Amino acid sequence: MSYKTQTFVAAALMSLALTSQAADPIKIGVSGPYTGGSAPMGVSMRDGVKLAVAEINAAGGLLGRQIQLVERDDEAKNERGVQIAQELINKEKVVATVGFINTGVALASQRFYQEAKIPVINNVATGTVITKQFEKDKDNYIFRTSAADKIQAKMIADEAVDKQKFTKVAILADSTNYGQLGREDLEKVLAEKKITPVAVEKYNIKDVDMTAQLLKSKQGGAQAVLTYGIGPELAQIANGMEKLNWHVPIIGSWPLSMGNFIDNSGKNGNGARMPQTFIQDGSTPKRKAFIEAYQKAYKVDRMPSAVSAAQGYDSVLLLAAAIKQAGSTDGDKVRAALENLNTKVEGVVTTYDKPFTHTDHEAIKPSMVVMGEVKNGRVILGK
């Protein structure tokens, strides 16, 4: 083989290798619970993510490459989340991960991404500490597109004390990291309003009888029950109150909007109020198109968790904008781009205009959150 031929072959092989490399998909992890009590949140989030990715890929992808999602079910278990994080980083070589539904799973798992300098966008988990876990590090790779508990706790307290003028409230919170950290935020805000709860009760996941906790609350003279927990058990609270013939308002964190609360509580859930970043009402053209696309793709009328679906969708749009701006999938460059996005991103929760800075990794601000209310099997805008 002549030198000229060898040179041509080498150049051809290099060109082929570069073409192949350019065509490699961009892998993004999607971690959440797709089974168990948290599944309505996890499945809705994943399905919202998939809609966004399908739109981006149909429009040509990112950096000339298609996005490939790597989905994993963390079962809402901290130890499973840790295993998945290590697998997605070391085996699948993801460039970023979106997801985390449960605060405990996020806090246990995201340290591996921080160490690997791979961005994570928490799109459902709301524990206030989540984006603060590594704030003392030079760079923080943990972002969020859901409403932190410090926002929700204030809204719950404002609704109960300032708007509805209650002076006696009870708190019922589940025993998870989410429930207990949220309870702490809520007690802190109530203390600022000079309100001490007449009862602060804990319950466990899968508990089916809340009679003891509700009796203490009722005997204490509570005028409202404030909740911090996830759907199935929240329904037991509403149903337990009916059994006791005790009819006071339920005001709690956003999972009161979950399908499994609404369905399992039936008429007993009517009137429950909760902070929401997104209500399935098609109030803008973007929201209407998103809702219709979701209904068509997944053959449902009501989203199991509309908030999770919307925040999942938006998290991908923000990540894609950062990768495009960075011109790279390098973790450090993507993080820097997220912290200084130079184009507005139209999502379904809101239109994001510089949602993150180096010191603020919370995309959702208090002004973006509204109070929703359960009415006849749906969540509507609270009045």
Protein backbone atom coordinates (compact mmCIF):
# COMPACT_ATOMS: atom_id res chain seq x y z
CA MET A 1 0.00 0.00 0.00
CA SER A 2 1.47 3.36 -1.07
CA TYR A 3 2.04 6.16 1.39
CA LYS A 4 -0.66 8.20 -0.39
CA THR A 5 -3.15 5.32 -0.05
CA GLN A 6 -2.26 4.83 3.62
CA THR A 7 -2.82 8.53 4.26
CA PHE A 8 -6.18 8.42 2.49
CA VAL A 9 -7.31 5.36 4.45
CA ALA A 10 -6.21 6.90 7.75
CA ALA A 11 -8.06 10.12 6.94
CA ALA A 12 -11.16 8.19 5.95
CA LEU A 13 -11.08 6.18 9.17
CA MET A 14 -10.63 9.35 11.24
CA SER A 15 -13.51 10.99 9.42
CA LEU A 16 -15.67 7.93 10.05
CA ALA A 17 -14.73 7.94 13.73
CA LEU A 18 -15.56 11.62 14.07
CA THR A 19 -18.89 11.13 12.28
CA SER A 20 -19.70 8.21 14.56
CA GLN A 21 -18.73 10.24 17.62
CA ALA A 22 -20.86 13.17 16.47
CA ALA A 23 -23.80 10.84 16.03
CA ASP A 24 -23.52 9.38 19.53
CA PRO A 25 -26.63 10.24 21.53
CA ILE A 26 -26.55 12.62 24.47
CA LYS A 27 -27.46 10.49 27.47
CA ILE A 28 -29.58 12.07 30.19
CA GLY A 29 -30.62 10.15 33.32
CA VAL A 30 -34.21 10.15 34.57
CA SER A 31 -34.44 8.94 38.16
CA GLY A 32 -37.68 8.60 40.08
CA PRO A 33 -40.18 6.18 41.63
CA TYR A 34 -42.28 4.52 38.94
CA THR A 35 -43.77 1.99 41.36
CA GLY A 36 -45.24 2.35 44.88
CA GLY A 37 -47.03 5.21 46.62
CA SER A 38 -44.91 7.92 44.99
CA ALA A 39 -45.46 6.49 41.48
CA PRO A 40 -48.03 9.11 40.33
CA MET A 41 -45.34 11.75 40.84
CA GLY A 42 -42.54 9.69 39.30
CA VAL A 43 -44.47 8.49 36.26
CA SER A 44 -45.92 11.93 35.56
CA MET A 45 -42.47 13.51 35.84
CA ARG A 46 -40.92 10.91 33.52
CA ASP A 47 -43.71 11.31 30.99
CA GLY A 48 -43.32 15.10 30.99
CA VAL A 49 -39.58 14.65 30.46
CA LYS A 50 -40.23 12.27 27.54
CA LEU A 51 -42.53 14.81 25.85
CA ALA A 52 -39.84 17.49 26.00
CA VAL A 53 -37.16 15.14 24.67
CA ALA A 54 -39.42 13.99 21.82
CA GLU A 55 -39.96 17.64 20.80
CA ILE A 56 -36.24 18.42 20.91
CA ASN A 57 -35.26 15.29 18.98
CA ALA A 58 -37.95 15.93 16.34
CA ALA A 59 -36.47 19.41 15.84
CA GLY A 60 -32.98 18.02 15.19
CA GLY A 61 -31.74 17.26 18.70
CA LEU A 62 -28.92 19.03 20.52
CA LEU A 63 -25.53 19.86 19.04
CA GLY A 64 -26.51 17.73 16.06
CA ARG A 65 -27.15 14.72 18.29
CA GLN A 66 -30.28 13.04 19.59
CA ILE A 67 -31.08 12.87 23.30
CA GLN A 68 -31.31 9.40 24.80
CA LEU A 69 -33.05 9.03 28.14
CA VAL A 70 -31.78 6.45 30.61
CA GLU A 71 -34.69 5.75 32.95
CA ARG A 72 -34.34 4.11 36.35
CA ASP A 73 -36.94 3.34 39.05
CA ASP A 74 -35.56 4.34 42.46
CA GLU A 75 -38.71 2.98 44.21
CA ALA A 76 -38.58 6.00 46.56
CA LYS A 77 -35.78 4.20 48.43
CA ASN A 78 -32.62 6.06 49.44
CA GLU A 79 -30.33 3.06 48.96
CA ARG A 80 -31.77 2.34 45.51
CA GLY A 81 -31.27 5.97 44.52
CA VAL A 82 -27.61 5.73 45.52
CA GLN A 83 -27.12 2.60 43.38
CA ILE A 84 -28.79 4.25 40.40
CA ALA A 85 -26.71 7.42 40.69
CA GLN A 86 -23.49 5.41 40.59
CA GLU A 87 -24.73 3.33 37.66
CA LEU A 88 -25.83 6.33 35.62
CA ILE A 89 -22.54 8.11 36.22
CA ASN A 90 -20.05 5.25 35.87
CA LYS A 91 -21.73 2.83 33.47
CA GLU A 92 -24.17 4.86 31.41
CA LYS A 93 -21.96 8.00 31.31
CA VAL A 94 -24.90 10.41 31.49
CA VAL A 95 -24.11 14.09 30.97
CA ALA A 96 -26.84 15.16 33.42
CA THR A 97 -29.77 13.73 35.35
CA VAL A 98 -33.26 15.08 35.91
CA GLY A 99 -35.70 13.77 38.46
CA PHE A 100 -35.65 12.90 42.14
CA ILE A 101 -39.14 12.92 43.57
CA ASN A 102 -38.41 12.15 47.20
CA THR A 103 -36.31 14.51 49.32
CA GLY A 104 -34.54 11.65 51.14
CA VAL A 105 -33.54 9.97 47.87
CA ALA A 106 -32.23 13.27 46.50
CA LEU A 107 -30.12 14.02 49.58
CA ALA A 108 -28.64 10.50 49.59
CA SER A 109 -27.94 10.33 45.85
CA GLN A 110 -26.98 13.70 44.49
CA ARG A 111 -23.60 13.81 46.23
CA PHE A 112 -22.29 11.38 43.58
CA TYR A 113 -23.21 13.84 40.84
CA GLN A 114 -21.63 16.68 42.78
CA GLU A 115 -18.38 14.71 43.08
CA ALA A 116 -18.47 13.81 39.37
CA LYS A 117 -19.28 17.43 38.37
CA ILE A 118 -22.43 16.35 36.55
CA PRO A 119 -25.48 18.65 36.80
CA VAL A 120 -28.70 17.44 38.39
CA ILE A 121 -32.02 19.22 38.03
CA ASN A 122 -34.39 18.20 40.82
CA ASN A 123 -37.78 18.62 39.20
CA VAL A 124 -40.12 17.36 41.94
CA ALA A 125 -38.33 16.97 45.32
CA THR A 126 -38.97 20.05 47.45
CA GLY A 127 -36.92 19.75 50.66
CA THR A 128 -35.52 23.24 51.31
CA VAL A 129 -32.01 21.91 51.92
CA ILE A 130 -31.71 20.11 48.55
CA THR A 131 -29.99 22.89 46.60
CA LYS A 132 -28.06 23.97 49.70
CA GLN A 133 -26.40 20.60 50.35
CA PHE A 134 -23.17 21.64 48.60
CA GLU A 135 -23.43 25.43 48.70
CA LYS A 136 -20.07 25.65 50.50
CA ASP A 137 -18.31 23.98 47.58
CA LYS A 138 -16.69 26.21 44.94
CA ASP A 139 -19.32 25.11 42.43
CA ASN A 140 -22.74 23.60 43.05
CA TYR A 141 -24.12 21.16 40.47
CA ILE A 142 -27.56 20.77 42.08
CA PHE A 143 -30.47 22.75 40.57
CA ARG A 144 -34.24 22.70 41.03
CA THR A 145 -37.46 23.41 39.07
CA SER A 146 -39.95 22.69 41.89
CA ALA A 147 -41.20 24.96 44.67
CA ALA A 148 -38.98 24.56 47.74
CA ASP A 149 -40.69 23.76 51.03
CA LYS A 150 -39.78 27.15 52.46
CA ILE A 151 -42.03 28.68 49.77
CA GLN A 152 -44.83 26.19 50.38
CA ALA A 153 -44.66 26.35 54.17
CA LYS A 154 -45.14 30.12 54.08
CA MET A 155 -48.08 29.79 51.67
CA ILE A 156 -49.75 27.17 53.89
CA ALA A 157 -49.32 29.31 57.00
CA ASP A 158 -50.45 32.46 55.19
CA GLU A 159 -53.58 30.67 53.97
CA ALA A 160 -54.46 29.26 57.42
CA VAL A 161 -53.55 32.19 59.65
CA ASP A 162 -53.66 35.36 57.58
CA LYS A 163 -56.42 34.55 55.09
CA GLN A 164 -58.70 32.19 57.02
CA LYS A 165 -57.88 33.70 60.44
CA PHE A 166 -57.36 30.40 62.26
CA THR A 167 -55.58 30.61 65.60
CA LYS A 168 -55.52 26.89 66.36
CA VAL A 169 -54.00 24.46 63.86
CA ALA A 170 -52.70 20.89 63.94
CA ILE A 171 -49.85 19.50 61.83
CA LEU A 172 -49.87 15.94 60.49
CA ALA A 173 -46.63 15.00 58.71
CA ASP A 174 -45.30 11.68 57.46
CA SER A 175 -42.11 10.20 58.89
CA THR A 176 -40.01 10.58 55.70
CA ASN A 177 -37.27 13.18 55.25
CA TYR A 178 -39.77 15.11 53.15
CA GLY A 179 -42.49 15.12 55.79
CA GLN A 180 -40.26 15.97 58.72
CA LEU A 181 -38.18 18.65 57.01
CA GLY A 182 -41.39 20.22 55.69
CA ARG A 183 -42.91 20.10 59.17
CA GLU A 184 -39.87 21.97 60.53
CA ASP A 185 -40.27 24.67 57.87
CA LEU A 186 -43.98 24.95 58.68
CA GLU A 187 -43.45 25.20 62.44
CA LYS A 188 -40.83 27.90 61.86
CA VAL A 189 -43.22 30.05 59.81
CA LEU A 190 -46.07 29.53 62.28
CA ALA A 191 -43.77 30.59 65.14
CA GLU A 192 -43.08 33.83 63.28
CA LYS A 193 -46.85 34.38 63.31
CA LYS A 194 -46.97 33.61 67.06
CA ILE A 195 -48.89 30.38 66.43
CA THR A 196 -48.05 27.17 68.30
CA PRO A 197 -49.80 24.10 66.85
CA VAL A 198 -52.25 22.42 69.23
CA ALA A 199 -50.94 19.05 67.98
CA VAL A 200 -47.94 17.95 65.91
CA GLU A 201 -48.47 14.35 64.84
CA LYS A 202 -46.38 11.90 62.82
CA TYR A 203 -47.50 8.93 60.74
CA ASN A 204 -45.73 6.33 58.63
CA ILE A 205 -45.93 5.48 54.95
CA LYS A 206 -48.67 2.86 54.37
CA ASP A 207 -50.50 3.73 57.60
CA VAL A 208 -54.22 3.22 57.04
CA ASP A 209 -55.65 4.52 60.32
CA MET A 210 -55.07 8.11 61.44
CA THR A 211 -57.67 8.04 64.24
CA ALA A 212 -55.19 8.58 67.11
CA GLN A 213 -53.49 11.54 65.44
CA LEU A 214 -56.79 13.09 64.40
CA LEU A 215 -58.35 12.69 67.84
CA LYS A 216 -55.45 14.58 69.44
CA SER A 217 -55.88 17.32 66.87
CA LYS A 218 -59.65 17.49 67.36
CA GLN A 219 -59.39 17.44 71.16
CA GLY A 220 -56.85 20.26 70.94
CA GLY A 221 -59.47 22.39 69.21
CA ALA A 222 -57.74 22.57 65.83
CA GLN A 223 -59.62 24.72 63.34
CA ALA A 224 -57.59 23.32 60.42
CA VAL A 225 -55.32 20.36 59.70
CA LEU A 226 -52.04 21.25 58.01
CA THR A 227 -50.36 18.35 56.19
CA TYR A 228 -46.92 17.44 54.91
CA GLY A 229 -46.90 14.04 53.21
CA ILE A 230 -47.61 12.13 49.99
CA GLY A 231 -50.93 11.08 48.44
CA PRO A 232 -52.14 7.71 49.74
CA GLU A 233 -51.76 8.54 53.42
CA LEU A 234 -53.21 12.02 52.93
CA ALA A 235 -56.39 10.35 51.75
CA GLN A 236 -56.49 8.40 55.03
CA ILE A 237 -56.44 11.74 56.86
CA ALA A 238 -59.43 13.07 54.90
CA ASN A 239 -61.33 9.81 55.28
CA GLY A 240 -60.48 9.58 58.99
CA MET A 241 -61.86 13.07 59.58
CA GLU A 242 -65.14 12.02 57.97
CA LYS A 243 -65.33 8.94 60.23
CA LEU A 244 -64.93 11.21 63.25
CA ASN A 245 -67.56 13.56 61.82
CA TRP A 246 -64.98 16.31 62.15
CA HIS A 247 -65.14 18.79 59.33
CA VAL A 248 -62.34 21.35 59.32
CA PRO A 249 -60.24 22.46 56.32
CA ILE A 250 -57.19 20.53 55.12
CA ILE A 251 -54.39 22.79 53.96
CA GLY A 252 -51.07 21.20 53.04
CA SER A 253 -48.12 20.84 50.72
CA TRP A 254 -48.51 20.24 47.01
CA PRO A 255 -49.07 16.39 47.03
CA LEU A 256 -52.69 17.04 48.05
CA SER A 257 -53.07 17.53 44.27
CA MET A 258 -51.99 13.96 43.48
CA GLY A 259 -54.43 11.64 41.76
CA ASN A 260 -54.18 9.02 44.49
CA PHE A 261 -55.25 11.55 47.14
CA ILE A 262 -58.13 12.83 45.04
CA ASP A 263 -59.37 9.36 44.05
CA ASN A 264 -58.91 7.66 47.42
CA SER A 265 -60.50 10.47 49.42
CA GLY A 266 -63.44 11.06 47.05
CA LYS A 267 -65.85 13.69 48.35
CA ASN A 268 -63.89 13.85 51.63
CA GLY A 269 -61.01 15.48 49.75
CA ASN A 270 -63.13 18.34 48.41
CA GLY A 271 -61.87 21.71 49.58
CA ALA A 272 -58.31 20.59 50.37
CA ARG A 273 -55.94 23.41 49.44
CA MET A 274 -52.28 23.27 48.42
CA PRO A 275 -49.53 25.31 46.66
CA GLN A 276 -49.23 24.57 42.92
CA THR A 277 -46.79 25.59 40.20
CA PHE A 278 -49.07 24.15 37.52
CA ILE A 279 -52.80 23.39 37.33
CA GLN A 280 -54.22 21.34 34.47
CA ASP A 281 -56.38 24.13 33.09
CA GLY A 282 -54.82 25.18 29.77
CA SER A 283 -54.66 28.83 30.84
CA THR A 284 -51.98 29.69 28.23
CA PRO A 285 -51.44 28.38 24.66
CA LYS A 286 -48.23 26.65 25.77
CA ARG A 287 -50.02 24.95 28.69
CA LYS A 288 -52.95 23.96 26.48
CA ALA A 289 -50.62 22.36 23.91
CA PHE A 290 -48.70 20.55 26.65
CA ILE A 291 -51.85 19.17 28.28
CA GLU A 292 -53.23 17.99 24.94
CA ALA A 293 -49.91 16.37 23.99
CA TYR A 294 -49.77 14.58 27.34
CA GLN A 295 -53.36 13.35 27.08
CA LYS A 296 -52.78 12.08 23.54
CA ALA A 297 -49.43 10.41 24.26
CA TYR A 298 -50.47 8.66 27.46
CA LYS A 299 -54.21 8.24 26.82
CA VAL A 300 -55.37 9.88 30.03
CA ASP A 301 -57.71 12.75 30.82
CA ARG A 302 -56.38 13.88 34.20
CA MET A 303 -52.62 13.75 34.75
CA PRO A 304 -51.77 11.65 37.84
CA SER A 305 -49.60 14.55 39.04
CA ALA A 306 -49.82 17.60 36.79
CA VAL A 307 -47.22 19.52 38.80
CA SER A 308 -44.67 16.72 38.37
CA ALA A 309 -45.33 16.43 34.64
CA ALA A 310 -44.96 20.16 34.05
CA GLN A 311 -41.82 20.55 36.16
CA GLY A 312 -40.29 17.50 34.47
CA TYR A 313 -41.00 18.97 31.04
CA ASP A 314 -39.52 22.35 31.97
CA SER A 315 -36.39 20.81 33.54
CA VAL A 316 -35.44 19.31 30.16
CA LEU A 317 -36.02 22.59 28.32
CA LEU A 318 -33.71 24.41 30.73
CA LEU A 319 -31.05 21.70 30.53
CA ALA A 320 -31.23 21.69 26.72
CA ALA A 321 -30.88 25.48 26.61
CA ALA A 322 -27.76 25.24 28.79
CA ILE A 323 -26.17 22.49 26.65
CA LYS A 324 -26.89 24.50 23.51
CA GLN A 325 -25.44 27.68 25.02
CA ALA A 326 -22.36 25.82 26.29
CA GLY A 327 -21.88 24.15 22.92
CA SER A 328 -20.81 21.15 24.96
CA THR A 329 -22.00 18.41 27.28
CA ASP A 330 -19.08 19.01 29.66
CA GLY A 331 -20.55 19.17 33.16
CA ASP A 332 -18.70 22.27 34.26
CA LYS A 333 -19.64 24.19 31.11
CA VAL A 334 -23.29 23.13 31.36
CA ARG A 335 -23.40 24.18 35.03
CA ALA A 336 -21.93 27.57 34.14
CA ALA A 337 -24.48 27.99 31.34
CA LEU A 338 -27.39 27.11 33.64
CA GLU A 339 -26.17 29.79 36.04
CA ASN A 340 -26.17 32.39 33.25
CA LEU A 341 -28.73 31.47 30.59
CA ASN A 342 -28.71 34.24 28.00
CA THR A 343 -32.01 33.35 26.32
CA LYS A 344 -35.50 33.13 27.77
CA VAL A 345 -36.96 29.63 27.96
CA GLU A 346 -40.72 29.29 27.53
CA GLY A 347 -41.86 26.48 29.78
CA VAL A 348 -45.31 25.44 30.93
CA VAL A 349 -44.86 26.53 34.54
CA THR A 350 -43.49 29.91 33.46
CA THR A 351 -41.18 31.62 30.99
CA TYR A 352 -37.75 31.44 32.60
CA ASP A 353 -35.58 34.55 32.39
CA LYS A 354 -32.19 33.87 33.99
CA PRO A 355 -33.75 31.38 36.44
CA PHE A 356 -30.44 30.50 38.10
CA THR A 357 -27.36 32.34 39.31
CA HIS A 358 -24.14 31.05 40.83
CA THR A 359 -25.61 31.40 44.31
CA ASP A 360 -29.31 30.73 43.59
CA HIS A 361 -30.20 27.39 42.02
CA GLU A 362 -33.96 27.71 42.55
CA ALA A 363 -35.88 28.31 39.30
CA ILE A 364 -39.23 28.66 41.08
CA LYS A 365 -39.82 31.93 42.92
CA PRO A 366 -42.74 32.59 45.32
CA SER A 367 -44.59 34.72 42.74
CA MET A 368 -44.86 31.71 40.40
CA VAL A 369 -46.81 29.56 42.89
CA VAL A 370 -50.60 29.67 43.33
CA MET A 371 -53.03 28.03 45.72
CA GLY A 372 -54.98 25.12 44.25
CA GLU A 373 -58.12 23.47 45.57
CA VAL A 374 -59.58 20.00 45.11
CA LYS A 375 -63.08 20.10 43.65
CA ASN A 376 -65.01 17.10 42.32
CA GLY A 377 -62.02 15.03 41.26
CA ARG A 378 -59.91 17.87 39.84
CA VAL A 379 -57.58 20.58 41.06
CA ILE A 380 -58.78 24.09 40.30
CA LEU A 381 -57.35 27.50 41.05
CA GLY A 382 -58.23 28.37 44.65
CA LYS A 383 -60.16 31.57 45.23
